[in-house]
Amino acid sequence: SAAEVASSKAVTKKAAATSPSSLTGSFAQNKGRMLFPVGGSYKIVRRFGRQPHPTLSHVWVDNSGIDIETGAGSSARAVFGGTVSAIFRQDGHGSYVTVYAGLSSVAVSQGQEVKAGQTIGTIARAAGRDVSELHFEVRNERTKLNPTAWVR
């Protein structure tokens, strides 16, 4: 499948051990220093922006975030402190917004203040595979930003 091909080509990395207490100032002032949205080992299986489809030649896809593969049952965590503006199910930091998609359960509620590093939910298992996959986005109002420029 396309997901298995993407996974086989991705490099396994380990999230940097950044302390949430080292984050000070505004969201924008912490670009490149924020927590990664998952802890432990992960693979970025689809990167930000326009790229070739992993199995269909002559097909390009446009990804508005990054897709992160983790072990089954892993948790997603807040990359920076803020308020949960909305929770919705689908298959802000001032003008900045982070998006976490692909959660099987949510551990926060709308209007709740969250801290950097706080668990916000459990990442859903990828269909037919023994891994979980989180889709993560960073936006400044309507502008889609490359998440890998913001987290470590």
N, C-alpha and C. Protein backbone atom coordinates (compact mmCIF):
# COMPACT_ATOMS: atom_id res chain seq x y z
N SER A 1 0.84 -1.19 0.00
CA SER A 1 0.00 0.00 0.00
C SER A 1 0.88 1.25 0.00
N ALA A 2 0.29 2.38 -0.33
CA ALA A 2 1.03 3.64 -0.35
C ALA A 2 1.58 3.96 1.04
N ALA A 3 0.80 3.67 2.09
CA ALA A 3 1.26 3.95 3.46
C ALA A 3 2.47 3.11 3.82
N GLU A 4 2.47 1.84 3.41
CA GLU A 4 3.61 0.96 3.71
C GLU A 4 4.86 1.39 2.93
N VAL A 5 4.67 1.82 1.68
CA VAL A 5 5.81 2.30 0.89
C VAL A 5 6.39 3.55 1.53
N ALA A 6 5.53 4.49 1.91
CA ALA A 6 5.99 5.73 2.55
C ALA A 6 6.73 5.41 3.85
N SER A 7 6.20 4.48 4.63
CA SER A 7 6.83 4.10 5.90
C SER A 7 8.19 3.46 5.68
N SER A 8 8.30 2.60 4.67
CA SER A 8 9.56 1.90 4.42
C SER A 8 10.66 2.85 3.96
N LYS A 9 10.30 3.97 3.37
CA LYS A 9 11.29 4.95 2.88
C LYS A 9 11.66 5.98 3.95
N ALA A 10 10.89 6.06 5.03
CA ALA A 10 11.12 7.07 6.06
C ALA A 10 12.20 6.62 7.03
N VAL A 11 12.89 7.60 7.61
CA VAL A 11 13.96 7.35 8.57
C VAL A 11 13.39 7.48 9.98
N THR A 12 13.70 6.50 10.83
CA THR A 12 13.27 6.56 12.22
C THR A 12 14.14 7.55 12.98
N LYS A 13 13.49 8.44 13.74
CA LYS A 13 14.19 9.43 14.56
C LYS A 13 13.64 9.37 15.97
N LYS A 14 14.29 10.07 16.87
CA LYS A 14 13.82 10.15 18.26
C LYS A 14 13.59 11.62 18.58
N ALA A 15 12.43 11.93 19.18
CA ALA A 15 12.10 13.31 19.52
C ALA A 15 13.14 13.88 20.49
N ALA A 16 13.54 15.11 20.26
CA ALA A 16 14.51 15.79 21.13
C ALA A 16 13.93 15.94 22.53
N ALA A 17 14.78 15.87 23.51
CA ALA A 17 14.36 15.98 24.91
C ALA A 17 14.33 17.44 25.34
N THR A 18 13.46 18.22 24.74
CA THR A 18 13.30 19.63 25.08
C THR A 18 12.41 19.74 26.30
N SER A 19 12.77 20.61 27.22
CA SER A 19 11.95 20.83 28.40
C SER A 19 10.92 21.91 28.11
N PRO A 20 9.64 21.65 28.44
CA PRO A 20 8.61 22.67 28.23
C PRO A 20 8.94 23.98 28.94
N SER A 21 9.67 23.91 30.05
CA SER A 21 9.99 25.13 30.80
C SER A 21 11.00 26.01 30.07
N SER A 22 11.67 25.48 29.05
CA SER A 22 12.63 26.29 28.30
C SER A 22 11.95 27.18 27.25
N LEU A 23 10.64 26.98 27.07
CA LEU A 23 9.89 27.77 26.09
C LEU A 23 9.35 29.02 26.77
N THR A 24 9.81 30.18 26.33
CA THR A 24 9.35 31.45 26.90
C THR A 24 8.98 32.40 25.78
N GLY A 25 8.16 33.36 26.09
CA GLY A 25 7.75 34.33 25.08
C GLY A 25 6.59 33.81 24.25
N SER A 26 6.45 34.36 23.05
CA SER A 26 5.33 34.02 22.18
C SER A 26 5.59 32.75 21.37
N PHE A 27 4.55 32.28 20.74
CA PHE A 27 4.65 31.12 19.85
C PHE A 27 5.71 31.38 18.79
N ALA A 28 5.63 32.52 18.11
CA ALA A 28 6.56 32.85 17.02
C ALA A 28 8.01 32.93 17.51
N GLN A 29 8.21 33.40 18.72
CA GLN A 29 9.57 33.53 19.26
C GLN A 29 10.22 32.17 19.54
N ASN A 30 9.44 31.12 19.55
CA ASN A 30 9.96 29.78 19.85
C ASN A 30 10.08 28.90 18.63
N LYS A 31 10.03 29.50 17.45
CA LYS A 31 10.15 28.73 16.21
C LYS A 31 11.45 27.93 16.23
N GLY A 32 11.36 26.65 15.94
CA GLY A 32 12.52 25.77 15.91
C GLY A 32 12.90 25.20 17.26
N ARG A 33 12.22 25.60 18.32
CA ARG A 33 12.57 25.13 19.67
C ARG A 33 11.45 24.36 20.35
N MET A 34 10.27 24.33 19.75
CA MET A 34 9.11 23.71 20.40
C MET A 34 9.25 22.19 20.46
N LEU A 35 8.46 21.61 21.36
CA LEU A 35 8.43 20.15 21.49
C LEU A 35 7.91 19.52 20.21
N PHE A 36 8.37 18.33 19.91
CA PHE A 36 7.80 17.56 18.80
C PHE A 36 6.44 17.06 19.28
N PRO A 37 5.44 16.91 18.40
CA PRO A 37 4.10 16.55 18.86
C PRO A 37 3.94 15.10 19.35
N VAL A 38 5.00 14.30 19.27
CA VAL A 38 5.01 12.96 19.86
C VAL A 38 6.34 12.79 20.59
N GLY A 39 6.36 11.93 21.59
CA GLY A 39 7.61 11.63 22.28
C GLY A 39 8.18 10.32 21.74
N GLY A 40 9.45 10.09 22.01
CA GLY A 40 10.06 8.82 21.61
C GLY A 40 10.36 8.72 20.13
N SER A 41 10.34 7.49 19.62
CA SER A 41 10.70 7.23 18.23
C SER A 41 9.54 7.53 17.30
N TYR A 42 9.87 8.03 16.11
CA TYR A 42 8.86 8.37 15.11
C TYR A 42 9.48 8.37 13.72
N LYS A 43 8.63 8.38 12.71
CA LYS A 43 9.04 8.57 11.32
C LYS A 43 8.12 9.63 10.71
N ILE A 44 8.68 10.58 9.97
CA ILE A 44 7.86 11.47 9.17
C ILE A 44 7.65 10.76 7.85
N VAL A 45 6.42 10.26 7.62
CA VAL A 45 6.15 9.44 6.45
C VAL A 45 5.64 10.27 5.26
N ARG A 46 5.12 11.45 5.52
CA ARG A 46 4.75 12.39 4.47
C ARG A 46 5.12 13.78 4.97
N ARG A 47 5.97 14.46 4.21
CA ARG A 47 6.46 15.76 4.63
C ARG A 47 5.53 16.87 4.14
N PHE A 48 5.80 18.08 4.53
CA PHE A 48 5.01 19.26 4.18
C PHE A 48 5.18 19.61 2.71
N GLY A 49 4.11 20.07 2.09
CA GLY A 49 4.19 20.62 0.75
C GLY A 49 3.88 19.64 -0.36
N ARG A 50 4.17 20.07 -1.56
CA ARG A 50 3.90 19.28 -2.78
C ARG A 50 4.99 18.24 -2.96
N GLN A 51 4.56 16.99 -3.25
CA GLN A 51 5.51 15.90 -3.38
C GLN A 51 4.90 14.78 -4.22
N PRO A 52 5.75 13.92 -4.79
CA PRO A 52 5.22 12.82 -5.59
C PRO A 52 4.52 11.79 -4.71
N HIS A 53 3.46 11.20 -5.22
CA HIS A 53 2.76 10.11 -4.53
C HIS A 53 3.73 8.93 -4.42
N PRO A 54 3.74 8.20 -3.29
CA PRO A 54 4.73 7.13 -3.11
C PRO A 54 4.58 5.94 -4.06
N THR A 55 3.40 5.71 -4.63
CA THR A 55 3.24 4.54 -5.50
C THR A 55 2.66 4.85 -6.88
N LEU A 56 2.10 6.03 -7.07
CA LEU A 56 1.47 6.36 -8.35
C LEU A 56 2.34 7.37 -9.10
N SER A 57 2.99 6.90 -10.16
CA SER A 57 3.84 7.81 -10.93
C SER A 57 2.98 8.88 -11.59
N HIS A 58 3.54 10.03 -11.78
CA HIS A 58 2.87 11.18 -12.40
C HIS A 58 1.76 11.77 -11.54
N VAL A 59 1.65 11.35 -10.27
CA VAL A 59 0.65 11.91 -9.36
C VAL A 59 1.38 12.65 -8.26
N TRP A 60 0.95 13.88 -8.00
CA TRP A 60 1.52 14.70 -6.94
C TRP A 60 0.47 14.95 -5.88
N VAL A 61 0.90 15.03 -4.62
CA VAL A 61 -0.01 15.35 -3.52
C VAL A 61 0.49 16.60 -2.81
N ASP A 62 -0.43 17.33 -2.22
CA ASP A 62 -0.09 18.54 -1.48
C ASP A 62 -0.48 18.32 -0.03
N ASN A 63 0.50 18.25 0.86
CA ASN A 63 0.26 17.99 2.28
C ASN A 63 0.37 19.30 3.04
N SER A 64 -0.67 19.66 3.78
CA SER A 64 -0.69 20.92 4.52
C SER A 64 -0.01 20.80 5.88
N GLY A 65 0.51 19.64 6.21
CA GLY A 65 1.23 19.43 7.46
C GLY A 65 2.28 18.35 7.26
N ILE A 66 2.53 17.57 8.31
CA ILE A 66 3.40 16.40 8.21
C ILE A 66 2.63 15.23 8.79
N ASP A 67 2.91 14.03 8.30
CA ASP A 67 2.29 12.82 8.82
C ASP A 67 3.36 12.03 9.54
N ILE A 68 3.12 11.75 10.82
CA ILE A 68 4.11 11.17 11.72
C ILE A 68 3.67 9.78 12.14
N GLU A 69 4.50 8.78 11.87
CA GLU A 69 4.21 7.41 12.26
C GLU A 69 4.89 7.12 13.58
N THR A 70 4.15 6.52 14.52
CA THR A 70 4.67 6.17 15.85
C THR A 70 4.24 4.75 16.18
N GLY A 71 4.67 4.26 17.32
CA GLY A 71 4.20 2.96 17.78
C GLY A 71 2.72 3.00 18.07
N ALA A 72 2.06 1.86 17.95
CA ALA A 72 0.62 1.77 18.20
C ALA A 72 0.30 2.26 19.61
N GLY A 73 -0.75 3.06 19.72
CA GLY A 73 -1.21 3.55 21.02
C GLY A 73 -0.43 4.71 21.57
N SER A 74 0.45 5.34 20.79
CA SER A 74 1.22 6.48 21.26
C SER A 74 0.32 7.68 21.53
N SER A 75 0.83 8.64 22.29
CA SER A 75 0.08 9.86 22.60
C SER A 75 0.60 11.04 21.81
N ALA A 76 -0.30 11.96 21.50
CA ALA A 76 0.07 13.25 20.93
C ALA A 76 0.20 14.22 22.09
N ARG A 77 1.13 15.19 21.95
CA ARG A 77 1.30 16.16 23.03
C ARG A 77 1.33 17.57 22.46
N ALA A 78 0.95 18.51 23.28
CA ALA A 78 0.94 19.91 22.88
C ALA A 78 2.38 20.37 22.65
N VAL A 79 2.62 21.08 21.56
CA VAL A 79 3.96 21.56 21.25
C VAL A 79 4.26 22.89 21.97
N PHE A 80 3.19 23.56 22.42
CA PHE A 80 3.32 24.86 23.09
C PHE A 80 2.06 25.08 23.91
N GLY A 81 2.13 25.90 24.93
CA GLY A 81 0.96 26.19 25.76
C GLY A 81 -0.06 27.02 24.99
N GLY A 82 -1.33 26.86 25.31
CA GLY A 82 -2.38 27.63 24.65
C GLY A 82 -3.74 27.15 25.09
N THR A 83 -4.77 27.55 24.36
CA THR A 83 -6.15 27.18 24.66
C THR A 83 -6.70 26.33 23.52
N VAL A 84 -7.36 25.26 23.88
CA VAL A 84 -7.98 24.40 22.87
C VAL A 84 -9.15 25.18 22.28
N SER A 85 -9.06 25.52 20.98
CA SER A 85 -10.11 26.34 20.36
C SER A 85 -11.25 25.50 19.81
N ALA A 86 -10.97 24.29 19.40
CA ALA A 86 -12.03 23.42 18.88
C ALA A 86 -11.55 21.99 18.87
N ILE A 87 -12.49 21.10 18.99
CA ILE A 87 -12.21 19.67 18.85
C ILE A 87 -13.25 19.14 17.89
N PHE A 88 -12.79 18.54 16.82
CA PHE A 88 -13.72 17.91 15.92
C PHE A 88 -13.13 16.63 15.42
N ARG A 89 -14.01 15.74 15.03
CA ARG A 89 -13.59 14.44 14.53
C ARG A 89 -13.72 14.44 13.02
N GLN A 90 -12.67 13.99 12.33
CA GLN A 90 -12.64 13.89 10.89
C GLN A 90 -11.76 12.71 10.56
N ASP A 91 -12.11 11.86 9.09
CA ASP A 91 -11.09 10.96 8.59
C ASP A 91 -10.13 11.99 8.06
N GLY A 92 -4.80 27.90 19.25
CA GLY A 92 -4.22 29.08 18.71
C GLY A 92 -3.38 29.80 19.71
N HIS A 93 -2.58 29.90 18.86
CA HIS A 93 -1.63 30.67 19.68
C HIS A 93 -1.59 32.08 19.10
N GLY A 94 -2.54 32.94 19.53
CA GLY A 94 -2.68 34.25 18.88
C GLY A 94 -3.16 33.98 17.48
N SER A 95 -2.42 34.41 16.49
CA SER A 95 -2.80 34.14 15.10
C SER A 95 -2.29 32.77 14.65
N TYR A 96 -1.53 32.08 15.49
CA TYR A 96 -1.00 30.76 15.16
C TYR A 96 -1.93 29.66 15.66
N VAL A 97 -2.02 28.59 14.89
CA VAL A 97 -2.87 27.45 15.23
C VAL A 97 -2.08 26.18 14.96
N THR A 98 -2.18 25.20 15.86
CA THR A 98 -1.63 23.87 15.60
C THR A 98 -2.81 22.92 15.43
N VAL A 99 -2.67 21.97 14.51
CA VAL A 99 -3.74 21.02 14.21
C VAL A 99 -3.18 19.61 14.44
N TYR A 100 -3.93 18.81 15.20
CA TYR A 100 -3.58 17.41 15.47
C TYR A 100 -4.72 16.56 14.93
N ALA A 101 -4.50 15.81 13.86
CA ALA A 101 -5.55 14.97 13.28
C ALA A 101 -5.13 13.51 13.32
N GLY A 102 -6.10 12.65 13.50
CA GLY A 102 -5.84 11.22 13.57
C GLY A 102 -5.79 10.71 14.99
N LEU A 103 -6.54 11.35 15.88
CA LEU A 103 -6.59 10.89 17.27
C LEU A 103 -7.77 9.94 17.46
N SER A 104 -7.54 8.84 18.17
CA SER A 104 -8.64 7.92 18.47
C SER A 104 -9.38 8.34 19.73
N SER A 105 -8.70 9.07 20.61
CA SER A 105 -9.36 9.62 21.79
C SER A 105 -8.71 10.96 22.12
N VAL A 106 -9.48 11.83 22.74
CA VAL A 106 -9.04 13.18 23.06
C VAL A 106 -9.03 13.35 24.57
N ALA A 107 -7.93 13.89 25.12
CA ALA A 107 -7.77 14.05 26.56
C ALA A 107 -7.95 15.50 27.01
N VAL A 108 -8.40 16.37 26.14
CA VAL A 108 -8.62 17.78 26.46
C VAL A 108 -10.02 18.16 26.02
N SER A 109 -10.47 19.34 26.45
CA SER A 109 -11.79 19.80 26.04
C SER A 109 -11.70 21.23 25.50
N GLN A 110 -12.69 21.61 24.72
CA GLN A 110 -12.71 22.95 24.13
C GLN A 110 -12.67 24.00 25.23
N GLY A 111 -11.84 25.01 25.05
CA GLY A 111 -11.68 26.08 26.03
C GLY A 111 -10.64 25.80 27.10
N GLN A 112 -10.16 24.59 27.17
CA GLN A 112 -9.18 24.20 28.19
C GLN A 112 -7.82 24.79 27.87
N GLU A 113 -7.13 25.30 28.88
CA GLU A 113 -5.74 25.74 28.73
C GLU A 113 -4.85 24.51 28.77
N VAL A 114 -3.89 24.41 27.86
CA VAL A 114 -2.94 23.30 27.86
C VAL A 114 -1.54 23.86 27.99
N LYS A 115 -0.64 23.03 28.50
CA LYS A 115 0.76 23.39 28.65
C LYS A 115 1.58 22.59 27.64
N ALA A 116 2.72 23.12 27.25
CA ALA A 116 3.62 22.40 26.35
C ALA A 116 3.97 21.05 26.97
N GLY A 117 3.90 20.01 26.19
CA GLY A 117 4.20 18.66 26.65
C GLY A 117 3.01 17.90 27.19
N GLN A 118 1.89 18.58 27.41
CA GLN A 118 0.71 17.92 27.94
C GLN A 118 0.12 16.98 26.90
N THR A 119 -0.28 15.78 27.34
CA THR A 119 -0.94 14.83 26.44
C THR A 119 -2.29 15.40 26.04
N ILE A 120 -2.55 15.40 24.74
CA ILE A 120 -3.84 15.90 24.26
C ILE A 120 -4.73 14.78 23.72
N GLY A 121 -4.16 13.60 23.51
CA GLY A 121 -4.96 12.48 23.05
C GLY A 121 -4.11 11.30 22.64
N THR A 122 -4.78 10.22 22.27
CA THR A 122 -4.13 9.00 21.80
C THR A 122 -4.22 8.96 20.28
N ILE A 123 -3.10 8.68 19.65
CA ILE A 123 -3.05 8.64 18.19
C ILE A 123 -3.67 7.33 17.70
N ALA A 124 -4.53 7.44 16.70
CA ALA A 124 -5.24 6.28 16.17
C ALA A 124 -4.29 5.34 15.43
N ARG A 125 -4.61 4.08 15.47
CA ARG A 125 -3.85 3.06 14.75
C ARG A 125 -4.11 3.22 13.25
N ALA A 126 -3.05 3.11 12.46
CA ALA A 126 -3.17 3.18 11.01
C ALA A 126 -3.90 1.94 10.51
N ALA A 127 -4.77 2.10 9.54
CA ALA A 127 -5.61 1.00 9.04
C ALA A 127 -4.76 -0.19 8.59
N GLY A 128 -5.03 -1.34 9.18
CA GLY A 128 -4.38 -2.58 8.78
C GLY A 128 -2.92 -2.69 9.14
N ARG A 129 -2.41 -1.80 10.01
CA ARG A 129 -0.98 -1.80 10.35
C ARG A 129 -0.83 -1.69 11.86
N ASP A 130 0.32 -2.09 12.37
CA ASP A 130 0.57 -2.07 13.81
C ASP A 130 1.34 -0.81 14.21
N VAL A 131 0.96 0.32 13.65
CA VAL A 131 1.55 1.61 13.98
C VAL A 131 0.43 2.63 14.09
N SER A 132 0.73 3.77 14.67
CA SER A 132 -0.21 4.88 14.74
C SER A 132 0.32 6.00 13.86
N GLU A 133 -0.59 6.89 13.40
CA GLU A 133 -0.14 7.98 12.52
C GLU A 133 -0.89 9.26 12.86
N LEU A 134 -0.11 10.31 13.18
CA LEU A 134 -0.64 11.63 13.52
C LEU A 134 -0.39 12.59 12.35
N HIS A 135 -1.41 13.34 11.97
CA HIS A 135 -1.23 14.43 11.00
C HIS A 135 -1.13 15.71 11.82
N PHE A 136 -0.05 16.47 11.64
CA PHE A 136 0.22 17.66 12.45
C PHE A 136 0.45 18.85 11.54
N GLU A 137 -0.20 19.98 11.84
CA GLU A 137 -0.05 21.20 11.05
C GLU A 137 0.24 22.39 11.96
N VAL A 138 0.94 23.38 11.39
CA VAL A 138 1.13 24.69 12.01
C VAL A 138 0.64 25.71 10.99
N ARG A 139 -0.21 26.64 11.44
CA ARG A 139 -0.73 27.68 10.55
C ARG A 139 -0.62 29.04 11.24
N ASN A 140 -0.41 30.07 10.43
CA ASN A 140 -0.50 31.45 10.88
C ASN A 140 -1.71 32.02 10.16
N GLU A 141 -2.81 32.14 10.89
CA GLU A 141 -4.12 32.45 10.32
C GLU A 141 -4.42 31.42 9.24
N ARG A 142 -4.49 31.79 7.96
CA ARG A 142 -4.80 30.82 6.90
C ARG A 142 -3.56 30.30 6.18
N THR A 143 -2.38 30.80 6.54
CA THR A 143 -1.14 30.39 5.88
C THR A 143 -0.62 29.09 6.49
N LYS A 144 -0.42 28.09 5.64
CA LYS A 144 0.10 26.80 6.09
C LYS A 144 1.62 26.90 6.18
N LEU A 145 2.17 26.53 7.32
CA LEU A 145 3.62 26.60 7.57
C LEU A 145 4.20 25.20 7.68
N ASN A 146 5.48 25.07 7.36
CA ASN A 146 6.15 23.78 7.47
C ASN A 146 6.38 23.45 8.94
N PRO A 147 5.69 22.44 9.49
CA PRO A 147 5.82 22.12 10.92
C PRO A 147 7.24 21.77 11.34
N THR A 148 8.05 21.19 10.44
CA THR A 148 9.39 20.78 10.85
C THR A 148 10.29 21.98 11.13
N ALA A 149 9.90 23.17 10.69
CA ALA A 149 10.66 24.39 11.00
C ALA A 149 10.35 24.89 12.41
N TRP A 150 9.29 24.38 13.00
CA TRP A 150 8.84 24.87 14.31
C TRP A 150 9.16 23.96 15.47
N VAL A 151 9.34 22.67 15.23
CA VAL A 151 9.55 21.70 16.32
C VAL A 151 10.93 21.07 16.20
N ARG A 152 11.36 20.41 17.27
CA ARG A 152 12.68 19.75 17.29
C ARG A 152 12.49 18.26 17.49
